[in-house]
Structures are given as structure tokens and as C-alpha cells.
Amino acid sequence: MTILLYLTIYASASVFACACLFRAVRYARIPIHLRWELYPVPHEEPERVKHGGSYFETGDWWKAPRRFSLAGELRFMIPEMLFLKGLWEFNRKLWYRSFVFHFGLYLLIATLGIAVVGALFYLLAPTWMAAGWVGLFQISCKITGAAGSLLAVVGSLALAHHRLRDPGLRIYTTAGDLLNLAFFSIALLVLSAGYLARGPSAPDLLAFARGLITFDPNLEVPVPFASGLLLAALLVAYVPLTHMSHFIAKFFTYHSIRWDDAPNRRGGKLEAKIAEYLTYRPTWSAAHLAADGRKTWAEVAAHNPAQEGRK
């Protein structure tokens, strides 16, 4: 039973990593999206960001080297990733539910990190752990794990309720959306119940992480706790296979659409890509575009539907 649990967790982690990598590569290889060209772009120089400018307002900008501000991007990205800043500004009602759910997941990820680091310390520096550090790791796991599970379950139920009750959101809600939220709730509830119901001699999360790293077959995990760990592992593997992998797409949405202000220089890579894309033969359902798979993208772009309608 324990070996099977170990294998399932490692397999789920592998599926998660491979699926995330596959999606990232797929997003990176798709044709260039229509750029928003909205300023300011956070990686611009701070002086320009203040008034909404860009490097295009500089004379002979194509001759000067571009300056990239990583600090500017981080000032935007960190509040967005941790606190869902955009949702707070534009959909406050949904933010109260979504933030609770996401912050609970962040705490659970932190719990996993603490358990793994603690297990490594136990194996590599046993004298430190014997000196009392093990207690610190155990308490930290309990606090972040309990808070994370509670917030994630409450948040998932609140999101499901909002999707069913809000008229504007209900029309976009599918059975898959509700299934995803139910999967989170059930997996975390079973895991929490199994952890709380384990006996005093049963391993805690830190001890289980140590056994997982060393592949210890003698570690006895109670069935309720093992069931919760199994469901949690399957959930991890499931997430990147669905649209819940939006955390990957979000990176490309910002960097390849909202913030992409790379100049199209003559003879450059961007010009070559655009020239290639114009030879594609798109098939779009919008009849007025006449993208029937026979015309190239260049021909579709030169087509004027309004002029055709006057004939």
C-alpha cells in the first residue's frame, strides 16, 4: 500500500511537470497574437511609466538600445499573482471568493515546501533536527496546512455557489467548472479528515515526506490518510490537463500580448515570422471574413467585407 502510494505521488508529480512544460512550449510556439499596444508597459523606464509613455516617443528610438526594467514588471506581477489585483479592481464580488480559494492553495503549496525542506534537513542535518528544529517544521506544517485547507475548501464552495447564483456568470458555467471545484473540495476534505483521524503512532506530514524521499517501505500510513494523499496527488496531476492551468497561460497573456512592444525591424526575426504567418490559410467561422481555408492570411487581411456588401 505504501509503495503504491509513493509511486502514485511520483507519477502525479511527473504528469504535472510534463503537462505544464507541454502547455508552456505550445503557448510559446503559437503565432504572434494581436498586440494590445496599451501603455504604459511595466518594463518601460519608470519615468515613462508615470505618464503612460513608451520608448516610441523618443527621437530616433530605433537607433538607441532598449532598456528593460525587471523591477517594474515585478512591481506589477507580484501583487497580481499573490493578491489578484486585477480582479480586485474590476470584479470585487468575485475577488472575495477567488482570493480565498487561491490564497488557500498558496498556503498548501507552502506546506508542501516546508515538509520537503524539513525532510531534507532531517536526512542531511539530523543533529539540527534533534536540537529542536523538527518541532518548528511540524508546527509550521500544521498551521499552513490547516489554514490552507480551510481557505481552499471555503473558497471552492463559495466559487461554485457564485457560479450557480450569479446570472452573468451562470451562462458561462459548465459542468466541468463545477466538477473542478468539487474535486478540490472533496480531495482536501478527505485529506484533512484522514490527517486528523490518524493515530498518535501514525506519521505526520513531515515524517511522510521523509519516507517519500527515501522510499521507505516500512512506513505505515493509515488508510484514511493515505486516501487523502492519493486524491491530492491525482488532483495535482489533473490540474494542468484542464483550463485550471491558466497560471501558465497568464504569463504569455501578459508578456506576449499585453506587454509585447518589441519593434518590428527590417530584416529582423519579427518581420520573418509575420511574413510566414501571412502565408497561412486560416479557417474561421465568421463568414464575412471569407477565411475558407483557400485564401492566405494576407488575402484575408486585404479583403474588405464592407466593400463586398456594396456590390
C-alpha atoms as a PDB file:
ATOM      1  CA  MET A   1       0.000   0.000   0.000  1.00  0.00           C
ATOM      2  CA  THR A   2       2.756   2.441   0.956  1.00  0.00           C
ATOM      3  CA  ILE A   3       4.828   1.663  -2.145  1.00  0.00           C
ATOM      4  CA  LEU A   4       1.759   2.135  -4.350  1.00  0.00           C
ATOM      5  CA  LEU A   5       1.123   5.486  -2.689  1.00  0.00           C
ATOM      6  CA  TYR A   6       4.723   6.573  -3.298  1.00  0.00           C
ATOM      7  CA  LEU A   7       4.545   5.542  -6.956  1.00  0.00           C
ATOM      8  CA  THR A   8       1.238   7.375  -7.446  1.00  0.00           C
ATOM      9  CA  ILE A   9       2.626  10.577  -5.957  1.00  0.00           C
ATOM     10  CA  TYR A  10       5.781  10.461  -8.078  1.00  0.00           C
ATOM     11  CA  ALA A  11       3.746   9.656 -11.196  1.00  0.00           C
ATOM     12  CA  SER A  12       1.330  12.515 -10.479  1.00  0.00           C
ATOM     13  CA  ALA A  13       4.201  14.941  -9.964  1.00  0.00           C
ATOM     14  CA  SER A  14       5.707  13.795 -13.279  1.00  0.00           C
ATOM     15  CA  VAL A  15       2.399  14.275 -15.090  1.00  0.00           C
ATOM     16  CA  PHE A  16       2.068  17.743 -13.584  1.00  0.00           C
ATOM     17  CA  ALA A  17       5.591  18.762 -14.646  1.00  0.00           C
ATOM     18  CA  CYS A  18       5.306  17.308 -18.154  1.00  0.00           C
ATOM     19  CA  ALA A  19       1.833  18.749 -18.756  1.00  0.00           C
ATOM     20  CA  CYS A  20       2.929  22.207 -17.594  1.00  0.00           C
ATOM     21  CA  LEU A  21       6.011  22.038 -19.819  1.00  0.00           C
ATOM     22  CA  PHE A  22       3.926  20.859 -22.782  1.00  0.00           C
ATOM     23  CA  ARG A  23       1.471  23.740 -22.370  1.00  0.00           C
ATOM     24  CA  ALA A  24       4.235  26.301 -21.958  1.00  0.00           C
ATOM     25  CA  VAL A  25       6.012  25.106 -25.116  1.00  0.00           C
ATOM     26  CA  ARG A  26       2.722  25.021 -27.004  1.00  0.00           C
ATOM     27  CA  TYR A  27       1.864  28.592 -25.985  1.00  0.00           C
ATOM     28  CA  ALA A  28       5.372  29.770 -26.859  1.00  0.00           C
ATOM     29  CA  ARG A  29       5.134  28.305 -30.377  1.00  0.00           C
ATOM     30  CA  ILE A  30       1.740  29.626 -31.430  1.00  0.00           C
ATOM     31  CA  PRO A  31       1.687  32.527 -33.924  1.00  0.00           C
ATOM     32  CA  ILE A  32       2.127  36.061 -32.648  1.00  0.00           C
ATOM     33  CA  HIS A  33      -1.063  37.395 -31.109  1.00  0.00           C
ATOM     34  CA  LEU A  34      -2.517  40.791 -31.957  1.00  0.00           C
ATOM     35  CA  ARG A  35      -0.663  43.094 -29.604  1.00  0.00           C
ATOM     36  CA  TRP A  36      -2.671  45.401 -27.402  1.00  0.00           C
ATOM     37  CA  GLU A  37      -0.304  48.383 -27.744  1.00  0.00           C
ATOM     38  CA  LEU A  38      -1.617  49.839 -24.486  1.00  0.00           C
ATOM     39  CA  TYR A  39       0.746  51.968 -22.446  1.00  0.00           C
ATOM     40  CA  PRO A  40       2.396  52.198 -20.039  1.00  0.00           C
ATOM     41  CA  VAL A  41       4.130  48.830 -20.183  1.00  0.00           C
ATOM     42  CA  PRO A  42       5.611  47.948 -16.755  1.00  0.00           C
ATOM     43  CA  HIS A  43       9.056  47.071 -18.117  1.00  0.00           C
ATOM     44  CA  GLU A  44       9.468  50.588 -19.516  1.00  0.00           C
ATOM     45  CA  GLU A  45      11.691  53.090 -17.696  1.00  0.00           C
ATOM     46  CA  PRO A  46       9.967  54.358 -14.506  1.00  0.00           C
ATOM     47  CA  GLU A  47       9.836  57.954 -15.766  1.00  0.00           C
ATOM     48  CA  ARG A  48       7.801  56.881 -18.806  1.00  0.00           C
ATOM     49  CA  VAL A  49       5.536  54.572 -16.803  1.00  0.00           C
ATOM     50  CA  LYS A  50       4.473  57.522 -14.655  1.00  0.00           C
ATOM     51  CA  HIS A  51       2.915  59.390 -17.582  1.00  0.00           C
ATOM     52  CA  GLY A  52       1.962  56.376 -19.704  1.00  0.00           C
ATOM     53  CA  GLY A  53       4.651  56.815 -22.319  1.00  0.00           C
ATOM     54  CA  SER A  54       6.843  54.403 -24.242  1.00  0.00           C
ATOM     55  CA  TYR A  55      10.227  54.316 -25.934  1.00  0.00           C
ATOM     56  CA  PHE A  56       8.470  55.174 -29.223  1.00  0.00           C
ATOM     57  CA  GLU A  57       8.170  58.801 -28.086  1.00  0.00           C
ATOM     58  CA  THR A  58      11.965  59.143 -28.165  1.00  0.00           C
ATOM     59  CA  GLY A  59      13.510  60.611 -31.295  1.00  0.00           C
ATOM     60  CA  ASP A  60      15.338  58.030 -33.420  1.00  0.00           C
ATOM     61  CA  TRP A  61      14.257  55.331 -30.971  1.00  0.00           C
ATOM     62  CA  TRP A  62      15.314  52.608 -33.402  1.00  0.00           C
ATOM     63  CA  LYS A  63      18.947  53.686 -33.037  1.00  0.00           C
ATOM     64  CA  ALA A  64      19.072  53.631 -29.225  1.00  0.00           C
ATOM     65  CA  PRO A  65      19.421  50.453 -27.156  1.00  0.00           C
ATOM     66  CA  ARG A  66      16.243  49.408 -25.358  1.00  0.00           C
ATOM     67  CA  ARG A  67      16.167  49.479 -21.585  1.00  0.00           C
ATOM     68  CA  PHE A  68      14.249  46.775 -19.783  1.00  0.00           C
ATOM     69  CA  SER A  69      13.057  47.220 -16.192  1.00  0.00           C
ATOM     70  CA  LEU A  70      12.609  43.870 -14.455  1.00  0.00           C
ATOM     71  CA  ALA A  71      11.804  45.712 -11.227  1.00  0.00           C
ATOM     72  CA  GLY A  72       8.897  47.411 -12.997  1.00  0.00           C
ATOM     73  CA  GLU A  73       7.451  44.088 -14.101  1.00  0.00           C
ATOM     74  CA  LEU A  74       7.870  42.590 -10.629  1.00  0.00           C
ATOM     75  CA  ARG A  75       6.068  45.564  -9.041  1.00  0.00           C
ATOM     76  CA  PHE A  76       3.099  44.685 -11.221  1.00  0.00           C
ATOM     77  CA  MET A  77       3.349  40.889 -11.229  1.00  0.00           C
ATOM     78  CA  ILE A  78       3.769  40.190  -7.505  1.00  0.00           C
ATOM     79  CA  PRO A  79       0.530  41.941  -6.381  1.00  0.00           C
ATOM     80  CA  GLU A  80      -1.289  40.331  -9.308  1.00  0.00           C
ATOM     81  CA  MET A  81      -0.048  36.816  -8.550  1.00  0.00           C
ATOM     82  CA  LEU A  82      -0.395  36.947  -4.771  1.00  0.00           C
ATOM     83  CA  PHE A  83      -3.430  39.177  -4.319  1.00  0.00           C
ATOM     84  CA  LEU A  84      -5.255  39.050  -7.694  1.00  0.00           C
ATOM     85  CA  LYS A  85      -5.018  42.819  -8.005  1.00  0.00           C
ATOM     86  CA  GLY A  86      -6.804  42.974 -11.362  1.00  0.00           C
ATOM     87  CA  LEU A  87      -9.789  41.039 -10.047  1.00  0.00           C
ATOM     88  CA  TRP A  88      -9.942  43.313  -7.002  1.00  0.00           C
ATOM     89  CA  GLU A  89     -10.142  46.367  -9.246  1.00  0.00           C
ATOM     90  CA  PHE A  90     -12.611  45.091 -11.841  1.00  0.00           C
ATOM     91  CA  ASN A  91     -14.745  42.401 -10.179  1.00  0.00           C
ATOM     92  CA  ARG A  92     -14.746  42.916  -6.437  1.00  0.00           C
ATOM     93  CA  LYS A  93     -17.639  40.486  -5.821  1.00  0.00           C
ATOM     94  CA  LEU A  94     -15.762  37.614  -7.448  1.00  0.00           C
ATOM     95  CA  TRP A  95     -12.471  38.617  -5.813  1.00  0.00           C
ATOM     96  CA  TYR A  96     -13.729  37.881  -2.292  1.00  0.00           C
ATOM     97  CA  ARG A  97     -14.341  34.268  -3.292  1.00  0.00           C
ATOM     98  CA  SER A  98     -11.464  33.738  -5.689  1.00  0.00           C
ATOM     99  CA  PHE A  99      -8.820  35.233  -3.414  1.00  0.00           C
ATOM    100  CA  VAL A 100      -9.838  32.981  -0.522  1.00  0.00           C
ATOM    101  CA  PHE A 101      -9.546  29.946  -2.796  1.00  0.00           C
ATOM    102  CA  HIS A 102      -6.217  30.925  -4.362  1.00  0.00           C
ATOM    103  CA  PHE A 103      -4.598  32.052  -1.133  1.00  0.00           C
ATOM    104  CA  GLY A 104      -5.578  28.708   0.409  1.00  0.00           C
ATOM    105  CA  LEU A 105      -3.774  26.966  -2.450  1.00  0.00           C
ATOM    106  CA  TYR A 106      -0.709  29.155  -1.889  1.00  0.00           C
ATOM    107  CA  LEU A 107      -0.645  28.092   1.761  1.00  0.00           C
ATOM    108  CA  LEU A 108      -0.935  24.429   0.775  1.00  0.00           C
ATOM    109  CA  ILE A 109       1.970  24.835  -1.646  1.00  0.00           C
ATOM    110  CA  ALA A 110       3.924  26.440   1.191  1.00  0.00           C
ATOM    111  CA  THR A 111       3.017  23.469   3.409  1.00  0.00           C
ATOM    112  CA  LEU A 112       4.380  21.070   0.821  1.00  0.00           C
ATOM    113  CA  GLY A 113       7.580  23.113   0.570  1.00  0.00           C
ATOM    114  CA  ILE A 114       8.035  23.199   4.353  1.00  0.00           C
ATOM    115  CA  ALA A 115       7.523  19.429   4.601  1.00  0.00           C
ATOM    116  CA  VAL A 116      10.053  18.688   1.853  1.00  0.00           C
ATOM    117  CA  VAL A 117      12.659  21.091   3.251  1.00  0.00           C
ATOM    118  CA  GLY A 118      12.110  19.702   6.739  1.00  0.00           C
ATOM    119  CA  ALA A 119      12.529  16.146   5.490  1.00  0.00           C
ATOM    120  CA  LEU A 120      15.767  17.072   3.709  1.00  0.00           C
ATOM    121  CA  PHE A 121      17.070  18.759   6.850  1.00  0.00           C
ATOM    122  CA  TYR A 122      16.193  15.618   8.791  1.00  0.00           C
ATOM    123  CA  LEU A 123      18.209  13.494   6.364  1.00  0.00           C
ATOM    124  CA  LEU A 124      21.149  15.840   5.751  1.00  0.00           C
ATOM    125  CA  ALA A 125      21.445  17.568   9.128  1.00  0.00           C
ATOM    126  CA  PRO A 126      19.935  15.223  11.744  1.00  0.00           C
ATOM    127  CA  THR A 127      21.728  16.966  14.608  1.00  0.00           C
ATOM    128  CA  TRP A 128      19.923  20.223  13.820  1.00  0.00           C
ATOM    129  CA  MET A 129      16.566  18.484  13.844  1.00  0.00           C
ATOM    130  CA  ALA A 130      17.421  16.732  17.109  1.00  0.00           C
ATOM    131  CA  ALA A 131      18.179  20.147  18.603  1.00  0.00           C
ATOM    132  CA  GLY A 132      14.555  21.203  18.236  1.00  0.00           C
ATOM    133  CA  TRP A 133      14.158  22.295  14.609  1.00  0.00           C
ATOM    134  CA  VAL A 134      11.837  19.370  13.912  1.00  0.00           C
ATOM    135  CA  GLY A 135       9.217  20.953  16.170  1.00  0.00           C
ATOM    136  CA  LEU A 136       9.364  24.196  14.206  1.00  0.00           C
ATOM    137  CA  PHE A 137       8.805  22.403  10.912  1.00  0.00           C
ATOM    138  CA  GLN A 138       5.953  20.338  12.358  1.00  0.00           C
ATOM    139  CA  ILE A 139       4.159  23.376  13.784  1.00  0.00           C
ATOM    140  CA  SER A 140       4.636  25.323  10.546  1.00  0.00           C
ATOM    141  CA  CYS A 141       3.175  22.449   8.517  1.00  0.00           C
ATOM    142  CA  LYS A 142       0.163  22.219  10.823  1.00  0.00           C
ATOM    143  CA  ILE A 143      -0.572  25.960  10.723  1.00  0.00           C
ATOM    144  CA  THR A 144      -0.184  26.485   6.976  1.00  0.00           C
ATOM    145  CA  GLY A 145      -1.803  23.135   6.161  1.00  0.00           C
ATOM    146  CA  ALA A 146      -4.885  23.740   8.327  1.00  0.00           C
ATOM    147  CA  ALA A 147      -5.317  27.345   7.146  1.00  0.00           C
ATOM    148  CA  GLY A 148      -4.710  26.426   3.520  1.00  0.00           C
ATOM    149  CA  SER A 149      -7.165  23.533   3.515  1.00  0.00           C
ATOM    150  CA  LEU A 150      -9.864  25.583   5.221  1.00  0.00           C
ATOM    151  CA  LEU A 151      -9.500  28.566   2.901  1.00  0.00           C
ATOM    152  CA  ALA A 152      -9.305  26.434  -0.257  1.00  0.00           C
ATOM    153  CA  VAL A 153     -12.416  24.421   0.633  1.00  0.00           C
ATOM    154  CA  VAL A 154     -14.412  27.505   1.656  1.00  0.00           C
ATOM    155  CA  GLY A 155     -13.228  29.334  -1.450  1.00  0.00           C
ATOM    156  CA  SER A 156     -14.109  26.482  -3.820  1.00  0.00           C
ATOM    157  CA  LEU A 157     -17.602  26.159  -2.342  1.00  0.00           C
ATOM    158  CA  ALA A 158     -18.074  29.935  -2.493  1.00  0.00           C
ATOM    159  CA  LEU A 159     -16.986  29.997  -6.134  1.00  0.00           C
ATOM    160  CA  ALA A 160     -19.358  27.145  -7.007  1.00  0.00           C
ATOM    161  CA  HIS A 161     -22.210  28.961  -5.260  1.00  0.00           C
ATOM    162  CA  HIS A 162     -21.392  32.195  -7.072  1.00  0.00           C
ATOM    163  CA  ARG A 163     -21.286  30.447 -10.446  1.00  0.00           C
ATOM    164  CA  LEU A 164     -24.737  28.964  -9.852  1.00  0.00           C
ATOM    165  CA  ARG A 165     -26.375  32.083  -8.428  1.00  0.00           C
ATOM    166  CA  ASP A 166     -24.869  34.960 -10.392  1.00  0.00           C
ATOM    167  CA  PRO A 167     -26.870  35.446 -13.646  1.00  0.00           C
ATOM    168  CA  GLY A 168     -23.929  36.903 -15.548  1.00  0.00           C
ATOM    169  CA  LEU A 169     -21.601  34.061 -14.605  1.00  0.00           C
ATOM    170  CA  ARG A 170     -24.094  31.219 -14.740  1.00  0.00           C
ATOM    171  CA  ILE A 171     -24.411  31.329 -18.526  1.00  0.00           C
ATOM    172  CA  TYR A 172     -20.668  30.657 -18.842  1.00  0.00           C
ATOM    173  CA  THR A 173     -20.567  27.915 -16.202  1.00  0.00           C
ATOM    174  CA  THR A 174     -20.191  24.352 -17.453  1.00  0.00           C
ATOM    175  CA  ALA A 175     -20.393  21.026 -15.670  1.00  0.00           C
ATOM    176  CA  GLY A 176     -16.614  20.846 -15.924  1.00  0.00           C
ATOM    177  CA  ASP A 177     -16.221  24.072 -13.944  1.00  0.00           C
ATOM    178  CA  LEU A 178     -18.311  22.674 -11.105  1.00  0.00           C
ATOM    179  CA  LEU A 179     -16.540  19.310 -11.293  1.00  0.00           C
ATOM    180  CA  ASN A 180     -13.165  21.005 -10.902  1.00  0.00           C
ATOM    181  CA  LEU A 181     -14.265  22.881  -7.791  1.00  0.00           C
ATOM    182  CA  ALA A 182     -15.879  19.738  -6.373  1.00  0.00           C
ATOM    183  CA  PHE A 183     -12.646  17.797  -6.932  1.00  0.00           C
ATOM    184  CA  PHE A 184     -10.726  20.368  -4.888  1.00  0.00           C
ATOM    185  CA  SER A 185     -13.269  20.314  -2.058  1.00  0.00           C
ATOM    186  CA  ILE A 186     -13.525  16.527  -1.852  1.00  0.00           C
ATOM    187  CA  ALA A 187      -9.765  15.891  -2.080  1.00  0.00           C
ATOM    188  CA  LEU A 188      -8.913  18.453   0.596  1.00  0.00           C
ATOM    189  CA  LEU A 189     -11.726  17.357   2.911  1.00  0.00           C
ATOM    190  CA  VAL A 190     -10.670  13.711   2.681  1.00  0.00           C
ATOM    191  CA  LEU A 191      -7.024  14.641   3.195  1.00  0.00           C
ATOM    192  CA  SER A 192      -7.810  16.826   6.219  1.00  0.00           C
ATOM    193  CA  ALA A 193     -10.103  14.224   7.779  1.00  0.00           C
ATOM    194  CA  GLY A 194      -7.565  11.463   7.222  1.00  0.00           C
ATOM    195  CA  TYR A 195      -4.786  13.524   8.761  1.00  0.00           C
ATOM    196  CA  LEU A 196      -6.838  14.410  11.832  1.00  0.00           C
ATOM    197  CA  ALA A 197      -8.085  10.830  12.300  1.00  0.00           C
ATOM    198  CA  ARG A 198      -4.663   9.193  12.196  1.00  0.00           C
ATOM    199  CA  GLY A 199      -3.441   7.639  15.446  1.00  0.00           C
ATOM    200  CA  PRO A 200      -0.625   9.006  17.631  1.00  0.00           C
ATOM    201  CA  SER A 201       1.822   6.453  16.216  1.00  0.00           C
ATOM    202  CA  ALA A 202       0.992   7.278  12.603  1.00  0.00           C
ATOM    203  CA  PRO A 203       3.367   9.507  10.612  1.00  0.00           C
ATOM    204  CA  ASP A 204       2.656  13.201  10.297  1.00  0.00           C
ATOM    205  CA  LEU A 205       3.251  15.123   7.062  1.00  0.00           C
ATOM    206  CA  LEU A 206       6.926  15.695   7.850  1.00  0.00           C
ATOM    207  CA  ALA A 207       7.553  12.009   8.534  1.00  0.00           C
ATOM    208  CA  PHE A 208       5.651  11.030   5.392  1.00  0.00           C
ATOM    209  CA  ALA A 209       7.737  13.440   3.303  1.00  0.00           C
ATOM    210  CA  ARG A 210      10.878  11.851   4.718  1.00  0.00           C
ATOM    211  CA  GLY A 211       9.575   8.390   3.855  1.00  0.00           C
ATOM    212  CA  LEU A 212       8.606   9.552   0.365  1.00  0.00           C
ATOM    213  CA  ILE A 213      12.082  10.921  -0.322  1.00  0.00           C
ATOM    214  CA  THR A 214      13.848   7.788   0.969  1.00  0.00           C
ATOM    215  CA  PHE A 215      11.175   5.454  -0.442  1.00  0.00           C
ATOM    216  CA  ASP A 216      10.789   3.832   2.964  1.00  0.00           C
ATOM    217  CA  PRO A 217       8.558   0.716   2.560  1.00  0.00           C
ATOM    218  CA  ASN A 218       8.242   0.248   6.326  1.00  0.00           C
ATOM    219  CA  LEU A 219       6.317   3.496   6.857  1.00  0.00           C
ATOM    220  CA  GLU A 220       2.762   2.582   7.831  1.00  0.00           C
ATOM    221  CA  VAL A 221       0.257   5.151   6.584  1.00  0.00           C
ATOM    222  CA  PRO A 222      -3.341   4.729   7.840  1.00  0.00           C
ATOM    223  CA  VAL A 223      -5.885   4.112   5.089  1.00  0.00           C
ATOM    224  CA  PRO A 224      -7.878   7.365   5.637  1.00  0.00           C
ATOM    225  CA  PHE A 225      -4.697   9.480   5.495  1.00  0.00           C
ATOM    226  CA  ALA A 226      -3.379   7.512   2.514  1.00  0.00           C
ATOM    227  CA  SER A 227      -6.713   8.004   0.704  1.00  0.00           C
ATOM    228  CA  GLY A 228      -6.446  11.754   1.161  1.00  0.00           C
ATOM    229  CA  LEU A 229      -2.843  11.784  -0.075  1.00  0.00           C
ATOM    230  CA  LEU A 230      -3.874   9.700  -3.087  1.00  0.00           C
ATOM    231  CA  LEU A 231      -6.709  12.057  -4.003  1.00  0.00           C
ATOM    232  CA  ALA A 232      -4.451  15.086  -3.546  1.00  0.00           C
ATOM    233  CA  ALA A 233      -1.832  13.515  -5.836  1.00  0.00           C
ATOM    234  CA  LEU A 234      -4.428  12.797  -8.523  1.00  0.00           C
ATOM    235  CA  LEU A 235      -5.687  16.371  -8.216  1.00  0.00           C
ATOM    236  CA  VAL A 236      -2.163  17.689  -8.815  1.00  0.00           C
ATOM    237  CA  ALA A 237      -1.902  15.599 -11.985  1.00  0.00           C
ATOM    238  CA  TYR A 238      -5.375  16.660 -13.118  1.00  0.00           C
ATOM    239  CA  VAL A 239      -4.959  20.443 -12.814  1.00  0.00           C
ATOM    240  CA  PRO A 240      -2.607  21.097 -15.797  1.00  0.00           C
ATOM    241  CA  LEU A 241      -4.762  18.888 -18.029  1.00  0.00           C
ATOM    242  CA  THR A 242      -7.680  21.329 -17.737  1.00  0.00           C
ATOM    243  CA  HIS A 243      -8.266  25.056 -18.150  1.00  0.00           C
ATOM    244  CA  MET A 244      -7.241  25.411 -14.491  1.00  0.00           C
ATOM    245  CA  SER A 245      -3.723  25.630 -15.901  1.00  0.00           C
ATOM    246  CA  HIS A 246      -4.454  29.309 -16.591  1.00  0.00           C
ATOM    247  CA  PHE A 247      -1.480  30.127 -14.360  1.00  0.00           C
ATOM    248  CA  ILE A 248       0.680  29.149 -17.353  1.00  0.00           C
ATOM    249  CA  ALA A 249      -1.404  30.992 -19.930  1.00  0.00           C
ATOM    250  CA  LYS A 250      -1.401  34.109 -17.774  1.00  0.00           C
ATOM    251  CA  PHE A 251       2.347  34.520 -18.228  1.00  0.00           C
ATOM    252  CA  PHE A 252       2.006  34.545 -22.007  1.00  0.00           C
ATOM    253  CA  THR A 253      -1.080  36.764 -21.871  1.00  0.00           C
ATOM    254  CA  TYR A 254       0.918  39.459 -20.149  1.00  0.00           C
ATOM    255  CA  HIS A 255       4.324  39.064 -21.791  1.00  0.00           C
ATOM    256  CA  SER A 256       3.255  38.127 -25.329  1.00  0.00           C
ATOM    257  CA  ILE A 257       0.070  40.200 -25.691  1.00  0.00           C
ATOM    258  CA  ARG A 258      -0.328  42.977 -23.137  1.00  0.00           C
ATOM    259  CA  TRP A 259       3.346  43.860 -22.737  1.00  0.00           C
ATOM    260  CA  ASP A 260       4.832  42.862 -26.087  1.00  0.00           C
ATOM    261  CA  ASP A 261       6.241  46.088 -27.528  1.00  0.00           C
ATOM    262  CA  ALA A 262       9.218  44.649 -29.404  1.00  0.00           C
ATOM    263  CA  PRO A 263       9.967  46.728 -32.536  1.00  0.00           C
ATOM    264  CA  ASN A 264       9.451  45.173 -35.956  1.00  0.00           C
ATOM    265  CA  ARG A 265      12.830  45.927 -37.500  1.00  0.00           C
ATOM    266  CA  ARG A 266      13.502  45.417 -41.194  1.00  0.00           C
ATOM    267  CA  GLY A 267      15.180  42.071 -41.718  1.00  0.00           C
ATOM    268  CA  GLY A 268      14.565  41.039 -38.095  1.00  0.00           C
ATOM    269  CA  LYS A 269      13.060  37.896 -36.604  1.00  0.00           C
ATOM    270  CA  LEU A 270       9.664  39.503 -36.051  1.00  0.00           C
ATOM    271  CA  GLU A 271       9.386  40.528 -39.708  1.00  0.00           C
ATOM    272  CA  ALA A 272      10.272  36.976 -40.789  1.00  0.00           C
ATOM    273  CA  LYS A 273       7.623  35.490 -38.504  1.00  0.00           C
ATOM    274  CA  ILE A 274       4.921  37.841 -39.782  1.00  0.00           C
ATOM    275  CA  ALA A 275       5.850  37.048 -43.390  1.00  0.00           C
ATOM    276  CA  GLU A 276       5.479  33.345 -42.622  1.00  0.00           C
ATOM    277  CA  TYR A 277       2.139  33.794 -40.859  1.00  0.00           C
ATOM    278  CA  LEU A 278       0.725  35.721 -43.825  1.00  0.00           C
ATOM    279  CA  THR A 279       1.095  32.579 -45.942  1.00  0.00           C
ATOM    280  CA  TYR A 280      -1.152  30.550 -43.617  1.00  0.00           C
ATOM    281  CA  ARG A 281      -4.630  29.648 -44.857  1.00  0.00           C
ATOM    282  CA  PRO A 282      -6.956  30.177 -41.877  1.00  0.00           C
ATOM    283  CA  THR A 283     -10.407  28.678 -41.469  1.00  0.00           C
ATOM    284  CA  TRP A 284     -12.564  30.953 -39.325  1.00  0.00           C
ATOM    285  CA  SER A 285     -16.291  30.509 -38.761  1.00  0.00           C
ATOM    286  CA  ALA A 286     -17.075  34.216 -39.305  1.00  0.00           C
ATOM    287  CA  ALA A 287     -18.469  34.167 -42.841  1.00  0.00           C
ATOM    288  CA  HIS A 288     -17.842  37.874 -43.533  1.00  0.00           C
ATOM    289  CA  LEU A 289     -14.070  37.292 -43.266  1.00  0.00           C
ATOM    290  CA  ALA A 290     -14.132  34.737 -46.093  1.00  0.00           C
ATOM    291  CA  ALA A 291     -11.443  32.659 -44.315  1.00  0.00           C
ATOM    292  CA  ASP A 292     -12.401  29.414 -46.014  1.00  0.00           C
ATOM    293  CA  GLY A 293      -9.009  27.707 -45.909  1.00  0.00           C
ATOM    294  CA  ARG A 294      -8.207  28.581 -49.522  1.00  0.00           C
ATOM    295  CA  LYS A 295      -7.196  32.228 -49.118  1.00  0.00           C
ATOM    296  CA  THR A 296      -3.956  33.120 -47.395  1.00  0.00           C
ATOM    297  CA  TRP A 297      -3.936  35.292 -44.304  1.00  0.00           C
ATOM    298  CA  ALA A 298      -2.567  38.141 -46.431  1.00  0.00           C
ATOM    299  CA  GLU A 299      -5.536  37.853 -48.790  1.00  0.00           C
ATOM    300  CA  VAL A 300      -7.980  37.739 -45.898  1.00  0.00           C
ATOM    301  CA  ALA A 301      -6.387  40.829 -44.353  1.00  0.00           C
ATOM    302  CA  ALA A 302      -6.675  42.706 -47.663  1.00  0.00           C
ATOM    303  CA  HIS A 303     -10.315  41.680 -48.061  1.00  0.00           C
ATOM    304  CA  ASN A 304     -12.854  44.429 -47.313  1.00  0.00           C
ATOM    305  CA  PRO A 305     -16.226  42.908 -46.250  1.00  0.00           C
ATOM    306  CA  ALA A 306     -17.938  46.302 -46.322  1.00  0.00           C
ATOM    307  CA  GLN A 307     -16.918  46.852 -49.940  1.00  0.00           C
ATOM    308  CA  GLU A 308     -18.138  43.372 -50.872  1.00  0.00           C
ATOM    309  CA  GLY A 309     -21.507  44.136 -49.311  1.00  0.00           C
ATOM    310  CA  ARG A 310     -21.978  47.221 -51.530  1.00  0.00           C
ATOM    311  CA  LYS A 311     -21.528  45.241 -54.722  1.00  0.00           C
END
